[in-house]
Amino acid sequence: MSIKSKLHEIKESFKGKKMAPAFNAFHTFLFTPNDITSSGTHVKVADDLKRTMNTVIMSLVPCLIFGIFNAGYQHNLAIDAANGISTQVSLFGNFLTFDNLMIGSMKVLPLVIVSYVVGLTVEFIFAVIKGHEVEEGYLVTGMLVPLIVPVDLPLWMLAVSVVFGVVIGKEVFGGTGMNILNPALTIRAFLFFAYPTWMSGDKVWVYDAVNRAGTPEAISGETILGMHAQNLTVDMYSLQDMFFGFIPGSIGETSKLLIIFGALFLIFSKIGSWRIILSTLIGALVMGLIFNGVIEAGIITDSSKFYGLMSIPFWEHLLIGSILFGAVFMATDPVTAAQTNKGKWIYGFLIGFISIMIRVFNPAYPEGVFLAILLMNVFAPTIDHFVIQSNVKMRLNRLKIKAA
């Protein structure tokens, strides 16, 4: 007897019991459910929620792997700089090395493990208590969370925030498909407001092996956003470095090339909305153009604390910070985003527009993507409502014209 057949038998024995949802979740994770319809007409499609979530995870894995190597590389780069050594990036020379992999893995993988263990535990508990099947929605959230938090975040803080995000951000609304806020960003918001000193937004973790006391210590170095917010030069980072991702920053945000590949993968698999992605980037570029115009008009001078981020070329906003990552993997969440086509254009444009506005006007935390997306999550139903009402009004007007 195969393992699959044996698990099907065990599943039958769990029917009607309290722990049935927990076992069914384990069974569904390993195999396709064997429940089939016996009558009536049904729409048959090749995908389901689990396949959809797995597709998104596949698009995130390259960003995760690159982020692990980059965490180790940024550590070694900072140590070399502290010793007066100038290092030039080489993909197969000093980037894709075993040392970088080990250093990055020691900090990143525990975040992934804690995110999944704590989040899925909460999901299982609610499934057992409420008597419904465990939903696969957290599979993507569990991967997104480690990519958007500081790499040196204490694991207990991550665990507390995950519990808050899953319970308050999703379960209280009825679970996957019913939440009005993106759970991953709800977790990020909780960390931002509960532990602000750990979420400064302008620092990057660098690990120094051993200090004089013989204990490990961490060093914080400026990210590009932090440098611009303080009107510091970032000539040390070329456009090539910023595009390929050899820069400090959050784990998943640095490589714009891999994010673009992920966007294309989601668009062609019809899971991510190209309208939301494109409109978000357009909104960010428009806001950047407005700020460039303010600088050129002389309204803001270099003595202003806002000058740094205002003065950079408008298109460069897409190469620094999390705007591209947020547009591809966060704003496109099908549950919390706008549902109408016209609404998606409005929704995405406002996310990009507000993101750059927050980035410039909040130098203490020069990144506003997650706040902008959460804000528009709240307004997405309102946007759809007015779009639908506008369509209804236009159709009624056409009927009146025909009747006349």
Protein backbone atom coordinates (compact mmCIF):
# COMPACT_ATOMS: atom_id res chain seq x y z
CA MET A 1 0.00 0.00 0.00
CA SER A 2 1.36 3.44 -0.96
CA ILE A 3 1.82 6.28 1.52
CA LYS A 4 -0.85 8.25 -0.32
CA SER A 5 -3.42 5.44 0.01
CA LYS A 6 -2.59 4.99 3.69
CA LEU A 7 -3.03 8.71 4.37
CA HIS A 8 -6.39 8.62 2.55
CA GLU A 9 -7.51 5.85 4.91
CA ILE A 10 -6.36 7.77 7.98
CA LYS A 11 -8.14 10.85 6.70
CA GLU A 12 -11.41 8.91 6.55
CA SER A 13 -10.98 7.89 10.18
CA PHE A 14 -10.63 11.54 11.20
CA LYS A 15 -13.96 12.59 9.69
CA GLY A 16 -16.23 14.24 12.23
CA LYS A 17 -13.50 14.52 14.85
CA LYS A 18 -12.14 17.68 16.45
CA MET A 19 -8.65 17.34 14.96
CA ALA A 20 -9.89 16.58 11.44
CA PRO A 21 -8.99 20.07 10.07
CA ALA A 22 -5.43 19.72 11.35
CA PHE A 23 -4.87 16.32 9.70
CA ASN A 24 -6.63 17.41 6.52
CA ALA A 25 -4.25 20.37 6.27
CA PHE A 26 -1.24 18.04 6.55
CA HIS A 27 -2.76 15.69 3.98
CA THR A 28 -3.58 18.50 1.55
CA PHE A 29 -0.07 19.92 1.91
CA LEU A 30 1.40 16.63 0.71
CA PHE A 31 -1.18 15.55 -1.88
CA THR A 32 -4.03 16.88 -3.95
CA PRO A 33 -7.32 16.44 -2.05
CA ASN A 34 -9.22 13.28 -3.09
CA ASP A 35 -12.64 14.87 -2.58
CA ILE A 36 -14.58 14.97 -5.85
CA THR A 37 -18.05 16.13 -6.85
CA SER A 38 -20.62 13.47 -7.71
CA SER A 39 -23.47 15.51 -9.23
CA GLY A 40 -24.42 18.88 -10.61
CA THR A 41 -22.56 21.23 -12.90
CA HIS A 42 -19.26 22.67 -11.71
CA VAL A 43 -16.60 24.88 -13.23
CA LYS A 44 -13.40 22.86 -13.61
CA VAL A 45 -10.06 24.67 -13.50
CA ALA A 46 -6.46 23.52 -13.20
CA ASP A 47 -5.56 25.72 -10.24
CA ASP A 48 -6.70 25.94 -6.64
CA LEU A 49 -5.71 28.05 -3.63
CA LYS A 50 -2.71 25.86 -2.79
CA ARG A 51 -1.35 26.00 -6.33
CA THR A 52 -1.88 29.77 -6.44
CA MET A 53 -0.01 30.26 -3.17
CA ASN A 54 2.81 27.96 -4.28
CA THR A 55 3.17 29.94 -7.51
CA VAL A 56 3.65 33.17 -5.54
CA ILE A 57 6.18 31.45 -3.27
CA MET A 58 8.15 30.27 -6.31
CA SER A 59 8.34 33.86 -7.52
CA LEU A 60 9.71 34.91 -4.09
CA VAL A 61 12.34 32.18 -3.66
CA PRO A 62 14.96 33.84 -5.94
CA CYS A 63 14.66 37.05 -3.90
CA LEU A 64 15.10 35.06 -0.69
CA ILE A 65 18.20 33.21 -1.92
CA PHE A 66 19.77 36.39 -3.27
CA GLY A 67 18.96 38.17 0.00
CA ILE A 68 20.76 35.48 2.00
CA PHE A 69 23.92 35.90 -0.05
CA ASN A 70 23.61 39.70 0.06
CA ALA A 71 23.33 39.72 3.86
CA GLY A 72 26.65 37.90 4.06
CA TYR A 73 28.19 40.08 1.36
CA GLN A 74 27.14 43.34 3.05
CA HIS A 75 28.63 42.05 6.30
CA ASN A 76 32.00 41.33 4.71
CA LEU A 77 31.87 44.60 2.74
CA ALA A 78 31.34 46.62 5.93
CA ILE A 79 34.12 44.78 7.74
CA ASP A 80 36.51 45.45 4.85
CA ALA A 81 35.51 49.12 4.83
CA ALA A 82 36.14 49.36 8.58
CA ASN A 83 39.65 48.00 7.94
CA GLY A 84 40.26 50.46 5.11
CA ILE A 85 39.90 47.86 2.35
CA SER A 86 38.11 48.85 -0.84
CA THR A 87 36.16 45.91 -2.31
CA GLN A 88 34.64 45.67 -5.78
CA VAL A 89 31.72 43.29 -6.20
CA SER A 90 32.32 40.15 -8.24
CA LEU A 91 29.39 37.76 -8.65
CA PHE A 92 31.45 34.55 -8.56
CA GLY A 93 34.44 36.09 -6.81
CA ASN A 94 33.20 37.55 -3.54
CA PHE A 95 29.37 37.41 -3.71
CA LEU A 96 28.25 33.82 -4.35
CA THR A 97 30.59 32.41 -1.71
CA PHE A 98 30.09 29.80 0.99
CA ASP A 99 31.03 32.34 3.66
CA ASN A 100 28.29 34.76 2.54
CA LEU A 101 25.82 31.88 2.35
CA MET A 102 26.56 30.73 5.89
CA ILE A 103 26.44 34.23 7.43
CA GLY A 104 23.22 35.08 5.64
CA SER A 105 21.61 31.74 6.43
CA MET A 106 22.34 32.09 10.15
CA LYS A 107 20.28 35.26 10.27
CA VAL A 108 17.64 34.81 7.57
CA LEU A 109 16.56 31.16 7.90
CA PRO A 110 15.58 31.48 11.61
CA LEU A 111 13.26 34.34 10.60
CA VAL A 112 11.65 32.11 7.94
CA ILE A 113 11.27 29.20 10.37
CA VAL A 114 9.74 31.31 13.15
CA SER A 115 7.40 33.02 10.69
CA TYR A 116 6.02 29.73 9.38
CA VAL A 117 5.94 27.80 12.67
CA VAL A 118 4.17 30.53 14.65
CA GLY A 119 1.83 31.58 11.83
CA LEU A 120 0.74 28.08 10.88
CA THR A 121 0.31 27.16 14.54
CA VAL A 122 -2.17 30.02 14.93
CA GLU A 123 -3.91 28.91 11.72
CA PHE A 124 -4.22 25.33 13.00
CA ILE A 125 -5.57 26.46 16.38
CA PHE A 126 -8.28 28.60 14.77
CA ALA A 127 -9.16 25.82 12.32
CA VAL A 128 -9.65 23.32 15.17
CA ILE A 129 -11.61 25.79 17.33
CA LYS A 130 -13.87 27.01 14.51
CA GLY A 131 -14.16 23.61 12.83
CA HIS A 132 -13.12 24.68 9.33
CA GLU A 133 -10.32 23.55 7.06
CA VAL A 134 -6.87 25.08 7.45
CA GLU A 135 -6.48 27.70 4.73
CA GLU A 136 -3.36 28.02 2.59
CA GLY A 137 -3.33 31.81 2.66
CA TYR A 138 -0.51 31.99 5.20
CA LEU A 139 1.88 30.11 2.91
CA VAL A 140 2.66 33.36 1.07
CA THR A 141 2.48 35.56 4.18
CA GLY A 142 4.98 33.29 5.92
CA MET A 143 7.46 33.84 3.10
CA LEU A 144 6.84 37.58 2.73
CA VAL A 145 7.36 38.45 6.40
CA PRO A 146 11.08 37.50 6.59
CA LEU A 147 11.71 39.48 3.41
CA ILE A 148 10.33 42.75 4.80
CA VAL A 149 11.66 42.82 8.38
CA PRO A 150 15.16 43.82 9.54
CA VAL A 151 17.53 40.89 9.43
CA ASP A 152 18.61 41.48 13.05
CA LEU A 153 15.05 41.50 14.43
CA PRO A 154 14.81 39.44 17.65
CA LEU A 155 12.90 36.23 17.00
CA TRP A 156 10.55 36.76 19.93
CA MET A 157 9.46 40.11 18.46
CA LEU A 158 8.77 38.40 15.15
CA ALA A 159 6.74 35.69 16.90
CA VAL A 160 4.61 38.22 18.80
CA SER A 161 3.98 40.28 15.67
CA VAL A 162 3.05 37.20 13.61
CA VAL A 163 0.45 36.19 16.22
CA PHE A 164 -0.97 39.72 16.15
CA GLY A 165 -0.98 39.89 12.35
CA VAL A 166 -2.67 36.54 11.81
CA VAL A 167 -5.28 36.99 14.55
CA ILE A 168 -6.11 40.69 14.14
CA GLY A 169 -5.26 41.04 10.48
CA LYS A 170 -7.05 37.94 9.21
CA GLU A 171 -8.79 35.53 11.59
CA VAL A 172 -11.06 38.09 13.25
CA PHE A 173 -12.44 38.89 9.79
CA GLY A 174 -13.16 35.25 9.00
CA GLY A 175 -9.87 33.96 7.61
CA THR A 176 -8.34 33.87 4.14
CA GLY A 177 -10.37 35.76 1.58
CA MET A 178 -12.23 37.83 4.19
CA ASN A 179 -9.45 40.08 5.52
CA ILE A 180 -9.39 43.76 4.58
CA LEU A 181 -5.69 44.29 5.37
CA ASN A 182 -2.67 42.51 3.97
CA PRO A 183 -1.56 40.18 6.83
CA ALA A 184 2.16 40.53 6.09
CA LEU A 185 1.93 44.31 6.16
CA THR A 186 -0.21 44.16 9.30
CA ILE A 187 2.67 42.30 10.93
CA ARG A 188 5.09 44.93 9.62
CA ALA A 189 2.90 47.76 10.93
CA PHE A 190 2.69 46.15 14.38
CA LEU A 191 6.48 45.94 14.53
CA PHE A 192 6.83 49.52 13.32
CA PHE A 193 4.59 50.99 16.01
CA ALA A 194 5.39 48.56 18.84
CA TYR A 195 9.17 48.40 18.42
CA PRO A 196 10.17 51.57 16.52
CA THR A 197 13.82 51.45 17.59
CA TRP A 198 14.18 48.10 15.83
CA MET A 199 12.43 49.32 12.69
CA SER A 200 14.29 52.54 11.94
CA GLY A 201 14.08 51.89 8.21
CA ASP A 202 17.47 53.40 7.38
CA LYS A 203 19.84 50.80 8.85
CA VAL A 204 21.12 47.47 7.61
CA TRP A 205 22.36 44.62 9.76
CA VAL A 206 26.01 43.67 9.54
CA TYR A 207 27.47 40.91 11.68
CA ASP A 208 30.93 41.21 13.22
CA ALA A 209 32.21 37.79 14.22
CA VAL A 210 33.61 38.47 17.71
CA ASN A 211 34.31 41.63 19.66
CA ARG A 212 37.04 42.15 22.24
CA ALA A 213 34.90 40.61 24.96
CA GLY A 214 34.65 37.42 22.92
CA THR A 215 30.93 37.74 22.17
CA PRO A 216 29.17 38.30 18.83
CA GLU A 217 28.10 41.82 18.04
CA ALA A 218 26.16 43.58 15.30
CA ILE A 219 26.97 46.71 13.35
CA SER A 220 24.35 48.93 11.72
CA GLY A 221 25.25 50.63 8.44
CA GLU A 222 23.31 53.16 6.38
CA THR A 223 21.00 52.02 3.60
CA ILE A 224 20.68 54.18 0.48
CA LEU A 225 17.43 55.69 1.75
CA GLY A 226 19.10 56.58 5.02
CA MET A 227 21.94 58.32 3.19
CA HIS A 228 19.58 60.35 1.03
CA ALA A 229 17.44 61.27 4.04
CA GLN A 230 20.54 62.78 5.65
CA ASN A 231 21.61 64.49 2.39
CA LEU A 232 24.64 62.20 2.13
CA THR A 233 26.13 61.13 -1.17
CA VAL A 234 25.50 57.64 -2.51
CA ASP A 235 28.04 57.75 -5.37
CA MET A 236 29.58 54.59 -3.93
CA TYR A 237 26.62 52.66 -5.37
CA SER A 238 26.33 52.54 -9.15
CA LEU A 239 23.08 52.16 -11.03
CA GLN A 240 24.21 48.65 -11.89
CA ASP A 241 24.69 47.77 -8.21
CA MET A 242 21.26 49.17 -7.35
CA PHE A 243 19.57 47.30 -10.19
CA PHE A 244 21.21 43.93 -9.56
CA GLY A 245 20.95 44.29 -5.78
CA PHE A 246 24.50 44.55 -4.44
CA ILE A 247 23.40 47.19 -1.94
CA PRO A 248 22.28 47.25 1.70
CA GLY A 249 18.57 46.98 2.42
CA SER A 250 15.80 44.60 3.42
CA ILE A 251 16.33 40.97 2.43
CA GLY A 252 13.85 40.83 -0.42
CA GLU A 253 13.97 44.39 -1.74
CA THR A 254 17.50 44.85 -3.07
CA SER A 255 17.56 42.92 -6.37
CA LYS A 256 15.29 44.79 -8.75
CA LEU A 257 16.18 42.33 -11.53
CA LEU A 258 14.80 39.36 -9.59
CA ILE A 259 11.72 41.34 -8.55
CA ILE A 260 11.04 42.09 -12.22
CA PHE A 261 11.40 38.39 -13.06
CA GLY A 262 8.95 37.64 -10.24
CA ALA A 263 6.53 40.23 -11.61
CA LEU A 264 6.64 38.71 -15.11
CA PHE A 265 6.11 35.24 -13.63
CA LEU A 266 3.03 36.39 -11.68
CA ILE A 267 1.61 38.35 -14.63
CA PHE A 268 1.96 35.53 -17.16
CA SER A 269 0.53 33.03 -14.66
CA LYS A 270 -2.43 35.46 -14.29
CA ILE A 271 -1.98 35.66 -10.51
CA GLY A 272 -0.58 39.20 -10.25
CA SER A 273 -2.42 42.18 -11.74
CA TRP A 274 -0.28 44.05 -14.28
CA ARG A 275 -2.64 47.01 -13.93
CA ILE A 276 -1.83 47.41 -10.23
CA ILE A 277 1.92 46.93 -10.74
CA LEU A 278 2.12 49.40 -13.63
CA SER A 279 -0.13 52.02 -12.02
CA THR A 280 1.85 51.84 -8.76
CA LEU A 281 5.08 52.56 -10.61
CA ILE A 282 3.42 55.37 -12.57
CA GLY A 283 2.17 56.94 -9.33
CA ALA A 284 5.67 56.78 -7.84
CA LEU A 285 7.22 58.36 -10.93
CA VAL A 286 4.64 61.17 -11.00
CA MET A 287 5.32 62.02 -7.36
CA GLY A 288 9.06 61.92 -8.05
CA LEU A 289 8.61 64.27 -11.00
CA ILE A 290 6.66 66.71 -8.83
CA PHE A 291 9.46 66.76 -6.26
CA ASN A 292 12.10 67.24 -8.97
CA GLY A 293 10.06 70.18 -10.26
CA VAL A 294 9.95 71.69 -6.77
CA ILE A 295 13.75 71.48 -6.56
CA GLU A 296 14.25 72.97 -10.03
CA ALA A 297 11.89 75.84 -9.16
CA GLY A 298 14.06 76.65 -6.15
CA ILE A 299 11.20 76.21 -3.69
CA ILE A 300 13.32 73.75 -1.67
CA THR A 301 17.05 74.38 -1.24
CA ASP A 302 19.87 72.07 -0.14
CA SER A 303 19.55 73.42 3.40
CA SER A 304 16.20 71.68 3.79
CA LYS A 305 16.01 68.30 5.48
CA PHE A 306 13.79 67.15 2.61
CA TYR A 307 16.30 68.05 -0.10
CA GLY A 308 18.12 64.69 -0.21
CA LEU A 309 15.24 62.48 -1.31
CA MET A 310 13.57 65.27 -3.30
CA SER A 311 16.62 65.93 -5.43
CA ILE A 312 17.30 62.43 -6.74
CA PRO A 313 16.10 61.75 -10.31
CA PHE A 314 12.45 60.70 -10.26
CA TRP A 315 13.15 57.31 -11.89
CA GLU A 316 15.78 56.46 -9.27
CA HIS A 317 13.03 56.06 -6.66
CA LEU A 318 12.27 52.72 -8.33
CA LEU A 319 15.82 51.48 -7.71
CA ILE A 320 16.03 52.30 -4.03
CA GLY A 321 13.82 51.18 -1.16
CA SER A 322 10.89 48.78 -1.35
CA ILE A 323 8.58 50.45 -3.88
CA LEU A 324 9.17 47.83 -6.58
CA PHE A 325 8.88 44.91 -4.14
CA GLY A 326 5.69 46.35 -2.67
CA ALA A 327 4.16 46.97 -6.10
CA VAL A 328 4.77 43.38 -7.25
CA PHE A 329 4.22 41.24 -4.17
CA MET A 330 2.15 43.35 -1.76
CA ALA A 331 -0.12 45.68 -3.70
CA THR A 332 -1.29 42.83 -5.95
CA ASP A 333 -2.79 40.80 -3.11
CA PRO A 334 -6.11 39.73 -4.73
CA VAL A 335 -8.02 39.81 -1.44
CA THR A 336 -7.16 43.30 -0.21
CA ALA A 337 -6.69 45.09 -3.55
CA ALA A 338 -9.34 46.75 -5.70
CA GLN A 339 -11.35 44.28 -7.80
CA THR A 340 -12.57 46.39 -10.74
CA ASN A 341 -10.20 47.14 -13.63
CA LYS A 342 -10.60 50.90 -13.37
CA GLY A 343 -10.35 50.62 -9.59
CA LYS A 344 -7.02 48.81 -9.92
CA TRP A 345 -5.56 51.73 -11.86
CA ILE A 346 -6.70 54.20 -9.19
CA TYR A 347 -5.66 51.93 -6.33
CA GLY A 348 -2.15 51.33 -7.67
CA PHE A 349 -1.54 54.95 -8.68
CA LEU A 350 -2.39 56.21 -5.19
CA ILE A 351 -0.12 53.59 -3.58
CA GLY A 352 2.87 54.74 -5.62
CA PHE A 353 2.04 58.43 -5.20
CA ILE A 354 1.62 58.22 -1.42
CA SER A 355 4.66 55.94 -0.99
CA ILE A 356 7.08 58.50 -2.40
CA MET A 357 5.35 61.30 -0.49
CA ILE A 358 5.89 59.48 2.82
CA ARG A 359 9.44 58.56 1.80
CA VAL A 360 10.37 62.22 1.29
CA PHE A 361 8.46 63.89 4.11
CA ASN A 362 9.38 61.41 6.83
CA PRO A 363 13.18 61.46 7.05
CA ALA A 364 13.06 59.61 10.38
CA TYR A 365 11.69 56.61 8.50
CA PRO A 366 12.44 57.08 4.79
CA GLU A 367 10.20 54.32 3.47
CA GLY A 368 6.44 54.55 3.16
CA VAL A 369 5.43 51.69 0.90
CA PHE A 370 3.85 49.48 3.57
CA LEU A 371 1.92 52.39 5.08
CA ALA A 372 0.63 53.45 1.66
CA ILE A 373 -0.51 49.91 0.78
CA LEU A 374 -2.28 49.46 4.13
CA LEU A 375 -4.02 52.82 3.68
CA MET A 376 -5.24 51.86 0.22
CA ASN A 377 -6.30 48.41 1.48
CA VAL A 378 -8.82 50.27 3.62
CA PHE A 379 -10.02 52.42 0.71
CA ALA A 380 -10.08 49.65 -1.94
CA PRO A 381 -13.79 48.79 -1.33
CA THR A 382 -14.68 52.47 -1.53
CA ILE A 383 -12.81 52.83 -4.84
CA ASP A 384 -14.65 49.81 -6.26
CA HIS A 385 -17.98 51.15 -4.99
CA PHE A 386 -17.60 54.46 -6.82
CA VAL A 387 -16.32 52.75 -9.97
CA ILE A 388 -19.36 50.46 -10.01
CA GLN A 389 -21.76 53.30 -9.26
CA SER A 390 -20.18 55.32 -12.07
CA ASN A 391 -20.72 52.42 -14.49
CA VAL A 392 -24.33 52.02 -13.34
CA LYS A 393 -24.96 55.74 -13.80
CA MET A 394 -23.51 55.71 -17.32
CA ARG A 395 -25.67 52.74 -18.30
CA LEU A 396 -28.78 54.38 -16.89
CA ASN A 397 -27.99 57.53 -18.84
CA ARG A 398 -27.64 55.49 -22.04
CA LEU A 399 -31.03 53.88 -21.40
CA LYS A 400 -32.61 57.32 -20.86
CA ILE A 401 -31.11 58.58 -24.13
CA LYS A 402 -32.43 55.53 -26.02
CA ALA A 403 -35.87 55.88 -24.41
CA ALA A 404 -36.02 59.54 -25.43
